[in-house]
C-alpha atoms as a PDB file:
ATOM      1  CA  MET A   1     -26.525 -27.934  36.342  1.00  0.00           C
ATOM      2  CA  SER A   2     -23.477 -26.159  37.749  1.00  0.00           C
ATOM      3  CA  THR A   3     -23.648 -24.664  41.225  1.00  0.00           C
ATOM      4  CA  LEU A   4     -22.743 -21.090  42.115  1.00  0.00           C
ATOM      5  CA  LYS A   5     -20.299 -20.949  45.027  1.00  0.00           C
ATOM      6  CA  ILE A   6     -20.515 -17.881  47.237  1.00  0.00           C
ATOM      7  CA  ALA A   7     -18.222 -17.026  50.145  1.00  0.00           C
ATOM      8  CA  ILE A   8     -19.376 -15.122  53.199  1.00  0.00           C
ATOM      9  CA  GLN A   9     -17.753 -14.335  56.517  1.00  0.00           C
ATOM     10  CA  LYS A  10     -18.155 -17.295  58.863  1.00  0.00           C
ATOM     11  CA  SER A  11     -19.183 -15.238  61.911  1.00  0.00           C
ATOM     12  CA  GLY A  12     -20.064 -11.725  63.001  1.00  0.00           C
ATOM     13  CA  ARG A  13     -22.424  -9.012  61.822  1.00  0.00           C
ATOM     14  CA  LEU A  14     -21.407  -9.287  58.172  1.00  0.00           C
ATOM     15  CA  ASN A  15     -22.309 -12.976  58.290  1.00  0.00           C
ATOM     16  CA  GLU A  16     -25.772 -12.226  59.664  1.00  0.00           C
ATOM     17  CA  ASP A  17     -26.497  -9.479  57.138  1.00  0.00           C
ATOM     18  CA  SER A  18     -25.221 -11.640  54.265  1.00  0.00           C
ATOM     19  CA  ILE A  19     -27.460 -14.558  55.205  1.00  0.00           C
ATOM     20  CA  GLN A  20     -30.405 -12.188  55.576  1.00  0.00           C
ATOM     21  CA  ILE A  21     -30.075 -10.682  52.106  1.00  0.00           C
ATOM     22  CA  LEU A  22     -29.898 -14.163  50.578  1.00  0.00           C
ATOM     23  CA  LYS A  23     -33.050 -15.118  52.479  1.00  0.00           C
ATOM     24  CA  ASP A  24     -34.740 -11.913  51.318  1.00  0.00           C
ATOM     25  CA  CYS A  25     -33.888 -13.038  47.774  1.00  0.00           C
ATOM     26  CA  GLY A  26     -36.018 -16.131  48.406  1.00  0.00           C
ATOM     27  CA  ILE A  27     -33.060 -18.478  48.846  1.00  0.00           C
ATOM     28  CA  SER A  28     -33.374 -21.148  51.542  1.00  0.00           C
ATOM     29  CA  ILE A  29     -30.015 -22.196  52.996  1.00  0.00           C
ATOM     30  CA  ASN A  30     -29.758 -25.490  54.857  1.00  0.00           C
ATOM     31  CA  ASN A  31     -27.033 -24.644  57.328  1.00  0.00           C
ATOM     32  CA  GLY A  32     -26.481 -26.157  60.752  1.00  0.00           C
ATOM     33  CA  ILE A  33     -24.363 -25.099  63.691  1.00  0.00           C
ATOM     34  CA  ASP A  34     -20.634 -24.760  62.909  1.00  0.00           C
ATOM     35  CA  GLN A  35     -21.038 -25.826  59.277  1.00  0.00           C
ATOM     36  CA  LEU A  36     -18.405 -24.447  56.923  1.00  0.00           C
ATOM     37  CA  LYS A  37     -20.416 -25.268  53.800  1.00  0.00           C
ATOM     38  CA  ALA A  38     -24.140 -25.305  53.096  1.00  0.00           C
ATOM     39  CA  GLU A  39     -26.365 -25.731  50.055  1.00  0.00           C
ATOM     40  CA  ALA A  40     -29.497 -23.854  49.094  1.00  0.00           C
ATOM     41  CA  SER A  41     -32.562 -26.011  48.633  1.00  0.00           C
ATOM     42  CA  ASN A  42     -34.258 -23.860  45.989  1.00  0.00           C
ATOM     43  CA  PHE A  43     -31.422 -22.216  44.035  1.00  0.00           C
ATOM     44  CA  PRO A  44     -28.183 -23.606  42.510  1.00  0.00           C
ATOM     45  CA  LEU A  45     -26.068 -22.076  45.267  1.00  0.00           C
ATOM     46  CA  GLU A  46     -23.487 -23.335  47.746  1.00  0.00           C
ATOM     47  CA  VAL A  47     -22.385 -21.120  50.625  1.00  0.00           C
ATOM     48  CA  LEU A  48     -18.837 -21.349  51.989  1.00  0.00           C
ATOM     49  CA  TYR A  49     -18.299 -19.830  55.429  1.00  0.00           C
ATOM     50  CA  LEU A  50     -14.737 -18.541  55.393  1.00  0.00           C
ATOM     51  CA  ARG A  51     -12.377 -16.412  57.428  1.00  0.00           C
ATOM     52  CA  ASN A  52     -12.886 -12.879  56.208  1.00  0.00           C
ATOM     53  CA  SER A  53      -9.250 -12.209  55.357  1.00  0.00           C
ATOM     54  CA  ASP A  54      -9.058 -15.355  53.175  1.00  0.00           C
ATOM     55  CA  ILE A  55     -11.972 -14.471  50.904  1.00  0.00           C
ATOM     56  CA  PRO A  56     -10.122 -12.260  48.353  1.00  0.00           C
ATOM     57  CA  GLN A  57      -7.627 -15.035  47.574  1.00  0.00           C
ATOM     58  CA  TYR A  58     -10.428 -17.575  47.149  1.00  0.00           C
ATOM     59  CA  LEU A  59     -11.973 -15.224  44.585  1.00  0.00           C
ATOM     60  CA  ILE A  60      -8.683 -14.675  42.774  1.00  0.00           C
ATOM     61  CA  ASP A  61      -8.028 -18.433  42.603  1.00  0.00           C
ATOM     62  CA  GLY A  62     -11.563 -19.205  41.414  1.00  0.00           C
ATOM     63  CA  VAL A  63     -12.287 -21.459  44.396  1.00  0.00           C
ATOM     64  CA  VAL A  64     -15.462 -19.408  44.878  1.00  0.00           C
ATOM     65  CA  ASP A  65     -17.375 -17.577  42.164  1.00  0.00           C
ATOM     66  CA  LEU A  66     -18.851 -14.826  44.266  1.00  0.00           C
ATOM     67  CA  ALA A  67     -18.452 -13.272  47.703  1.00  0.00           C
ATOM     68  CA  ILE A  68     -20.153 -10.849  50.040  1.00  0.00           C
ATOM     69  CA  VAL A  69     -17.254  -8.991  51.594  1.00  0.00           C
ATOM     70  CA  GLY A  70     -16.282  -5.554  52.857  1.00  0.00           C
ATOM     71  CA  ASP A  71     -14.747  -3.522  50.055  1.00  0.00           C
ATOM     72  CA  ASN A  72     -12.030  -2.395  52.490  1.00  0.00           C
ATOM     73  CA  LEU A  73     -10.729  -5.974  52.307  1.00  0.00           C
ATOM     74  CA  LEU A  74     -10.657  -5.846  48.512  1.00  0.00           C
ATOM     75  CA  VAL A  75      -8.629  -2.638  48.670  1.00  0.00           C
ATOM     76  CA  GLU A  76      -6.143  -4.431  50.937  1.00  0.00           C
ATOM     77  CA  LYS A  77      -5.974  -7.874  49.321  1.00  0.00           C
ATOM     78  CA  GLY A  78      -8.136  -8.025  46.230  1.00  0.00           C
ATOM     79  CA  LYS A  79      -7.011  -5.408  43.747  1.00  0.00           C
ATOM     80  CA  GLY A  80      -8.551  -6.182  40.356  1.00  0.00           C
ATOM     81  CA  ILE A  81     -11.525  -8.129  41.729  1.00  0.00           C
ATOM     82  CA  GLU A  82     -14.727  -6.810  40.166  1.00  0.00           C
ATOM     83  CA  VAL A  83     -17.457  -5.403  42.404  1.00  0.00           C
ATOM     84  CA  VAL A  84     -20.848  -5.875  40.757  1.00  0.00           C
ATOM     85  CA  GLN A  85     -23.093  -4.466  43.473  1.00  0.00           C
ATOM     86  CA  LYS A  86     -22.763  -2.343  46.586  1.00  0.00           C
ATOM     87  CA  LEU A  87     -25.033  -3.751  49.287  1.00  0.00           C
ATOM     88  CA  GLY A  88     -25.504  -0.843  51.683  1.00  0.00           C
ATOM     89  CA  PHE A  89     -24.854  -2.671  54.962  1.00  0.00           C
ATOM     90  CA  SER A  90     -21.866  -3.255  57.276  1.00  0.00           C
ATOM     91  CA  LYS A  91     -20.733   0.322  56.680  1.00  0.00           C
ATOM     92  CA  CYS A  92     -17.524   1.415  58.383  1.00  0.00           C
ATOM     93  CA  LYS A  93     -14.325   3.414  57.910  1.00  0.00           C
ATOM     94  CA  VAL A  94     -10.655   2.534  57.830  1.00  0.00           C
ATOM     95  CA  SER A  95      -9.172   5.290  59.966  1.00  0.00           C
ATOM     96  CA  VAL A  96      -6.011   6.496  61.626  1.00  0.00           C
ATOM     97  CA  ALA A  97      -6.325   6.888  65.397  1.00  0.00           C
ATOM     98  CA  VAL A  98      -3.894   8.242  67.958  1.00  0.00           C
ATOM     99  CA  PRO A  99      -3.933   8.560  71.774  1.00  0.00           C
ATOM    100  CA  LYS A 100      -6.178  11.335  73.018  1.00  0.00           C
ATOM    101  CA  THR A 101      -3.165  13.152  74.434  1.00  0.00           C
ATOM    102  CA  PHE A 102      -1.467  13.306  71.028  1.00  0.00           C
ATOM    103  CA  GLU A 103      -1.408  16.854  69.642  1.00  0.00           C
ATOM    104  CA  TYR A 104      -2.559  16.377  66.056  1.00  0.00           C
ATOM    105  CA  ASN A 105      -2.655  19.074  63.386  1.00  0.00           C
ATOM    106  CA  SER A 106      -2.146  17.315  60.056  1.00  0.00           C
ATOM    107  CA  VAL A 107      -1.126  14.023  58.474  1.00  0.00           C
ATOM    108  CA  GLN A 108       2.469  15.277  58.553  1.00  0.00           C
ATOM    109  CA  ASP A 109       2.430  14.693  62.324  1.00  0.00           C
ATOM    110  CA  LEU A 110       2.285  10.939  61.644  1.00  0.00           C
ATOM    111  CA  ALA A 111       5.618  10.808  59.786  1.00  0.00           C
ATOM    112  CA  ASN A 112       8.038   8.142  61.097  1.00  0.00           C
ATOM    113  CA  LEU A 113       5.594   6.926  63.744  1.00  0.00           C
ATOM    114  CA  ARG A 114       5.026   3.266  64.582  1.00  0.00           C
ATOM    115  CA  ILE A 115       1.583   2.300  63.275  1.00  0.00           C
ATOM    116  CA  ALA A 116      -0.160  -0.947  64.226  1.00  0.00           C
ATOM    117  CA  THR A 117      -2.634  -2.288  61.681  1.00  0.00           C
ATOM    118  CA  SER A 118      -4.154  -5.307  59.963  1.00  0.00           C
ATOM    119  CA  TYR A 119      -4.105  -3.365  56.676  1.00  0.00           C
ATOM    120  CA  PRO A 120      -0.418  -2.865  55.772  1.00  0.00           C
ATOM    121  CA  ASN A 121      -0.997  -2.407  52.033  1.00  0.00           C
ATOM    122  CA  THR A 122      -3.723   0.172  52.572  1.00  0.00           C
ATOM    123  CA  VAL A 123      -1.560   2.059  55.082  1.00  0.00           C
ATOM    124  CA  THR A 124       1.507   2.038  52.830  1.00  0.00           C
ATOM    125  CA  GLU A 125      -0.478   3.290  49.835  1.00  0.00           C
ATOM    126  CA  TYR A 126      -2.125   6.034  51.891  1.00  0.00           C
ATOM    127  CA  PHE A 127       1.082   7.472  53.350  1.00  0.00           C
ATOM    128  CA  ASN A 128       2.905   7.158  50.031  1.00  0.00           C
ATOM    129  CA  LYS A 129       0.420   9.690  48.636  1.00  0.00           C
ATOM    130  CA  PHE A 130       1.812  12.233  51.088  1.00  0.00           C
ATOM    131  CA  GLY A 131       5.426  11.177  50.612  1.00  0.00           C
ATOM    132  CA  LEU A 132       5.586  10.042  54.245  1.00  0.00           C
ATOM    133  CA  THR A 133       7.370   7.058  55.771  1.00  0.00           C
ATOM    134  CA  VAL A 134       5.859   5.165  58.708  1.00  0.00           C
ATOM    135  CA  ASP A 135       6.954   2.067  60.623  1.00  0.00           C
ATOM    136  CA  ILE A 136       4.177  -0.505  60.110  1.00  0.00           C
ATOM    137  CA  HIS A 137       3.591  -3.180  62.741  1.00  0.00           C
ATOM    138  CA  GLN A 138       1.256  -5.750  61.200  1.00  0.00           C
ATOM    139  CA  ILE A 139      -0.945  -7.471  63.766  1.00  0.00           C
ATOM    140  CA  SER A 140      -4.314  -9.206  63.624  1.00  0.00           C
ATOM    141  CA  GLY A 141      -6.966  -8.604  66.231  1.00  0.00           C
ATOM    142  CA  SER A 142      -7.064  -6.123  69.137  1.00  0.00           C
ATOM    143  CA  VAL A 143      -5.196  -3.488  67.156  1.00  0.00           C
ATOM    144  CA  GLU A 144      -6.631  -0.740  69.362  1.00  0.00           C
ATOM    145  CA  ILE A 145      -4.626  -1.891  72.393  1.00  0.00           C
ATOM    146  CA  ALA A 146      -1.251  -1.408  70.653  1.00  0.00           C
ATOM    147  CA  PRO A 147      -0.583   2.204  71.802  1.00  0.00           C
ATOM    148  CA  ASN A 148      -1.515   1.356  75.404  1.00  0.00           C
ATOM    149  CA  ILE A 149       1.065  -1.438  75.635  1.00  0.00           C
ATOM    150  CA  GLY A 150       3.822   0.514  73.897  1.00  0.00           C
ATOM    151  CA  LEU A 151       3.755  -1.465  70.653  1.00  0.00           C
ATOM    152  CA  ALA A 152       2.787   1.506  68.468  1.00  0.00           C
ATOM    153  CA  ASP A 153       2.281   5.261  68.469  1.00  0.00           C
ATOM    154  CA  ALA A 154      -0.903   5.101  66.367  1.00  0.00           C
ATOM    155  CA  ILE A 155      -3.196   2.584  64.720  1.00  0.00           C
ATOM    156  CA  VAL A 156      -5.085   2.122  61.460  1.00  0.00           C
ATOM    157  CA  ASP A 157      -8.185   0.035  61.936  1.00  0.00           C
ATOM    158  CA  ILE A 158     -11.879  -0.391  61.179  1.00  0.00           C
ATOM    159  CA  VAL A 159     -14.081   2.204  62.877  1.00  0.00           C
ATOM    160  CA  SER A 160     -17.856   1.846  63.078  1.00  0.00           C
ATOM    161  CA  SER A 161     -19.360   3.708  66.032  1.00  0.00           C
ATOM    162  CA  GLY A 162     -16.065   4.836  67.538  1.00  0.00           C
ATOM    163  CA  SER A 163     -16.871   3.257  70.914  1.00  0.00           C
ATOM    164  CA  THR A 164     -13.833   0.932  70.807  1.00  0.00           C
ATOM    165  CA  LEU A 165     -11.533   3.890  70.220  1.00  0.00           C
ATOM    166  CA  PHE A 166     -13.126   5.781  73.109  1.00  0.00           C
ATOM    167  CA  LYS A 167     -12.714   2.830  75.485  1.00  0.00           C
ATOM    168  CA  ASN A 168      -9.013   2.647  74.627  1.00  0.00           C
ATOM    169  CA  ASN A 169      -8.372   6.400  74.968  1.00  0.00           C
ATOM    170  CA  LEU A 170      -7.886   6.889  71.231  1.00  0.00           C
ATOM    171  CA  LYS A 171      -9.210   9.505  68.840  1.00  0.00           C
ATOM    172  CA  GLU A 172      -9.813   9.309  65.094  1.00  0.00           C
ATOM    173  CA  VAL A 173      -7.698  11.804  63.153  1.00  0.00           C
ATOM    174  CA  GLU A 174      -7.785  10.653  59.513  1.00  0.00           C
ATOM    175  CA  VAL A 175     -10.236   8.610  57.429  1.00  0.00           C
ATOM    176  CA  ILE A 176      -8.363   6.570  54.838  1.00  0.00           C
ATOM    177  CA  LEU A 177     -11.436   5.088  53.171  1.00  0.00           C
ATOM    178  CA  LYS A 178     -15.124   4.378  53.675  1.00  0.00           C
ATOM    179  CA  SER A 179     -16.331   0.832  53.271  1.00  0.00           C
ATOM    180  CA  GLU A 180     -19.493  -1.229  52.991  1.00  0.00           C
ATOM    181  CA  ALA A 181     -20.425  -4.784  52.052  1.00  0.00           C
ATOM    182  CA  VAL A 182     -20.229  -5.505  48.330  1.00  0.00           C
ATOM    183  CA  LEU A 183     -20.925  -8.361  45.956  1.00  0.00           C
ATOM    184  CA  ALA A 184     -17.589  -9.311  44.373  1.00  0.00           C
ATOM    185  CA  VAL A 185     -17.002 -11.714  41.470  1.00  0.00           C
ATOM    186  CA  SER A 186     -14.098 -14.023  40.695  1.00  0.00           C
ATOM    187  CA  PRO A 187     -12.286 -13.338  37.404  1.00  0.00           C
ATOM    188  CA  LYS A 188     -12.552 -17.057  36.600  1.00  0.00           C
ATOM    189  CA  VAL A 189     -16.321 -17.601  36.351  1.00  0.00           C
ATOM    190  CA  SER A 190     -17.708 -19.653  33.479  1.00  0.00           C
ATOM    191  CA  PRO A 191     -20.544 -18.430  31.188  1.00  0.00           C
ATOM    192  CA  GLU A 192     -22.959 -20.838  32.884  1.00  0.00           C
ATOM    193  CA  ILE A 193     -22.034 -19.578  36.348  1.00  0.00           C
ATOM    194  CA  GLN A 194     -22.334 -15.993  35.080  1.00  0.00           C
ATOM    195  CA  LYS A 195     -26.015 -16.659  34.310  1.00  0.00           C
ATOM    196  CA  HIS A 196     -26.572 -17.666  37.943  1.00  0.00           C
ATOM    197  CA  ILE A 197     -24.714 -14.554  39.096  1.00  0.00           C
ATOM    198  CA  ASP A 198     -26.914 -12.349  36.901  1.00  0.00           C
ATOM    199  CA  THR A 199     -30.040 -13.971  38.351  1.00  0.00           C
ATOM    200  CA  LEU A 200     -28.842 -13.501  41.930  1.00  0.00           C
ATOM    201  CA  LYS A 201     -27.790  -9.916  41.235  1.00  0.00           C
ATOM    202  CA  PHE A 202     -31.243  -9.170  39.790  1.00  0.00           C
ATOM    203  CA  ARG A 203     -32.887 -10.474  42.977  1.00  0.00           C
ATOM    204  CA  ILE A 204     -30.508  -8.550  45.227  1.00  0.00           C
ATOM    205  CA  GLN A 205     -31.201  -5.319  43.362  1.00  0.00           C
ATOM    206  CA  ALA A 206     -34.949  -5.858  43.823  1.00  0.00           C
ATOM    207  CA  VAL A 207     -34.414  -6.354  47.565  1.00  0.00           C
ATOM    208  CA  LEU A 208     -32.176  -3.284  47.885  1.00  0.00           C
ATOM    209  CA  ARG A 209     -34.631  -1.059  45.990  1.00  0.00           C
ATOM    210  CA  ALA A 210     -37.389  -2.215  48.333  1.00  0.00           C
ATOM    211  CA  ARG A 211     -35.265  -1.527  51.414  1.00  0.00           C
ATOM    212  CA  ASN A 212     -34.597   2.003  50.200  1.00  0.00           C
ATOM    213  CA  SER A 213     -38.184   2.818  49.257  1.00  0.00           C
ATOM    214  CA  LYS A 214     -41.632   3.211  50.792  1.00  0.00           C
ATOM    215  CA  TYR A 215     -45.052   2.758  49.232  1.00  0.00           C
ATOM    216  CA  ILE A 216     -47.246   5.806  49.789  1.00  0.00           C
ATOM    217  CA  LEU A 217     -50.962   6.268  49.254  1.00  0.00           C
ATOM    218  CA  MET A 218     -53.178   9.222  50.091  1.00  0.00           C
ATOM    219  CA  ASN A 219     -56.497  10.893  49.408  1.00  0.00           C
ATOM    220  CA  VAL A 220     -56.189  13.970  47.189  1.00  0.00           C
ATOM    221  CA  PRO A 221     -58.730  16.484  45.819  1.00  0.00           C
ATOM    222  CA  ASN A 222     -58.893  16.030  42.061  1.00  0.00           C
ATOM    223  CA  ASP A 223     -57.836  19.612  41.447  1.00  0.00           C
ATOM    224  CA  LYS A 224     -54.634  18.983  43.453  1.00  0.00           C
ATOM    225  CA  ILE A 225     -53.471  15.795  41.686  1.00  0.00           C
ATOM    226  CA  GLU A 226     -51.230  17.717  39.313  1.00  0.00           C
ATOM    227  CA  ALA A 227     -49.562  19.512  42.254  1.00  0.00           C
ATOM    228  CA  VAL A 228     -49.041  16.179  44.037  1.00  0.00           C
ATOM    229  CA  GLY A 229     -47.535  14.715  40.892  1.00  0.00           C
ATOM    230  CA  LYS A 230     -44.886  17.451  40.842  1.00  0.00           C
ATOM    231  CA  ILE A 231     -43.838  16.526  44.392  1.00  0.00           C
ATOM    232  CA  LEU A 232     -43.739  12.744  44.096  1.00  0.00           C
ATOM    233  CA  PRO A 233     -40.873  10.979  42.330  1.00  0.00           C
ATOM    234  CA  VAL A 234     -42.682   8.291  40.347  1.00  0.00           C
ATOM    235  CA  LEU A 235     -41.554   5.081  38.631  1.00  0.00           C
ATOM    236  CA  ARG A 236     -43.607   5.822  35.518  1.00  0.00           C
ATOM    237  CA  SER A 237     -46.708   7.791  36.495  1.00  0.00           C
ATOM    238  CA  LEU A 238     -48.978   8.188  39.488  1.00  0.00           C
ATOM    239  CA  THR A 239     -51.619   5.542  40.175  1.00  0.00           C
ATOM    240  CA  VAL A 240     -54.902   7.444  40.547  1.00  0.00           C
ATOM    241  CA  LEU A 241     -58.118   5.724  41.647  1.00  0.00           C
ATOM    242  CA  PRO A 242     -61.442   7.569  42.081  1.00  0.00           C
ATOM    243  CA  LEU A 243     -62.986   7.548  45.562  1.00  0.00           C
ATOM    244  CA  ALA A 244     -66.675   7.165  46.378  1.00  0.00           C
ATOM    245  CA  GLN A 245     -66.691  10.783  47.493  1.00  0.00           C
ATOM    246  CA  GLU A 246     -67.016  12.950  44.401  1.00  0.00           C
ATOM    247  CA  GLY A 247     -64.071  15.208  43.637  1.00  0.00           C
ATOM    248  CA  TRP A 248     -61.515  13.027  45.457  1.00  0.00           C
ATOM    249  CA  SER A 249     -59.075  10.321  44.352  1.00  0.00           C
ATOM    250  CA  SER A 250     -56.681   7.890  45.963  1.00  0.00           C
ATOM    251  CA  VAL A 251     -53.120   8.504  44.738  1.00  0.00           C
ATOM    252  CA  HIS A 252     -50.396   5.848  45.034  1.00  0.00           C
ATOM    253  CA  SER A 253     -46.647   6.077  44.442  1.00  0.00           C
ATOM    254  CA  VAL A 254     -43.192   5.052  45.694  1.00  0.00           C
ATOM    255  CA  ILE A 255     -40.853   7.402  47.566  1.00  0.00           C
ATOM    256  CA  ASP A 256     -37.315   7.230  48.907  1.00  0.00           C
ATOM    257  CA  LYS A 257     -37.232   6.238  52.571  1.00  0.00           C
ATOM    258  CA  ASP A 258     -34.588   8.856  53.402  1.00  0.00           C
ATOM    259  CA  THR A 259     -36.707  11.768  52.163  1.00  0.00           C
ATOM    260  CA  PHE A 260     -40.263  10.682  52.850  1.00  0.00           C
ATOM    261  CA  TRP A 261     -40.787  12.972  55.870  1.00  0.00           C
ATOM    262  CA  ASP A 262     -39.946  16.019  53.762  1.00  0.00           C
ATOM    263  CA  VAL A 263     -42.178  14.724  50.965  1.00  0.00           C
ATOM    264  CA  ILE A 264     -45.069  14.166  53.366  1.00  0.00           C
ATOM    265  CA  ASP A 265     -44.825  17.751  54.656  1.00  0.00           C
ATOM    266  CA  GLN A 266     -45.053  19.020  51.070  1.00  0.00           C
ATOM    267  CA  LEU A 267     -47.999  16.729  50.292  1.00  0.00           C
ATOM    268  CA  LYS A 268     -49.938  18.008  53.294  1.00  0.00           C
ATOM    269  CA  GLU A 269     -49.327  21.581  52.205  1.00  0.00           C
ATOM    270  CA  VAL A 270     -51.009  20.957  48.834  1.00  0.00           C
ATOM    271  CA  GLY A 271     -54.047  19.239  50.383  1.00  0.00           C
ATOM    272  CA  ALA A 272     -53.265  15.510  50.624  1.00  0.00           C
ATOM    273  CA  GLU A 273     -55.045  13.696  53.463  1.00  0.00           C
ATOM    274  CA  GLY A 274     -55.093  10.208  54.993  1.00  0.00           C
ATOM    275  CA  ILE A 275     -51.495   9.556  54.015  1.00  0.00           C
ATOM    276  CA  LEU A 276     -50.307   5.972  54.529  1.00  0.00           C
ATOM    277  CA  VAL A 277     -46.650   4.917  54.203  1.00  0.00           C
ATOM    278  CA  CYS A 278     -45.949   1.183  53.897  1.00  0.00           C
ATOM    279  CA  PRO A 279     -42.827  -0.975  53.598  1.00  0.00           C
ATOM    280  CA  ILE A 280     -42.130  -2.729  50.284  1.00  0.00           C
ATOM    281  CA  GLU A 281     -41.001  -6.353  50.318  1.00  0.00           C
ATOM    282  CA  LYS A 282     -39.554  -6.514  46.783  1.00  0.00           C
ATOM    283  CA  MET A 283     -39.318  -3.959  43.976  1.00  0.00           C
ATOM    284  CA  VAL A 284     -38.809  -5.327  40.455  1.00  0.00           C
ATOM    285  CA  LEU A 285     -38.305  -2.849  37.631  1.00  0.00           C
END
């Protein structure tokens, strides 16, 4: 049986989140300290721990079949690589930042400035849209220090919380793109490998649905079940079980985790009691 090769970042937060989602998919990875390659014991999968910036080329060349990578990196180096699933973690922005003392009104103020970045292609494409020319200084690592040492007038870099910009007396003035971790596929996968990818994607989707949902159960007067049903978004229909107390039922459903507080307020208003909200481990549709 052929083995699916997946690339993930060899260190950092994206590495941790990538390993976690594979574990949540029931895949056991036998990796030791400082290993650059590891095999799964219960799935035809081999994990390659690679430098983040190298991953797009490995996908293009077919060295790996699949990768968990930030889509900002695909915009920069992996045009044409197919994204089969957004993963919802490692969210960030690629932004333009300038010194706090810089008087900024519009993107036109950035014309002809020296811009330090690790994303030269992304920067060039962005400013070309406005017909602007900038002087790109390509550097890797510690981009945010460039204005302070006189290397650049502005930077384009990854922004998550904004704390790094604040510490270096910079302010965000333009967001070029928003990014998150994605599942990306090599254009050179075989039909047999594609079957493994489909299986893994199915598991990942079940995990993501569970992460974004909550299981809710409550006691409802029988004459209020219809009203509750209009409030709850259901997979197919409500699960209704009669209680020992006459005239009451236990109602079960699944709700979105981002809206469940609003839903609970509405449920209470129509007479629901004893509301329990529980996490879901997996959600297979």
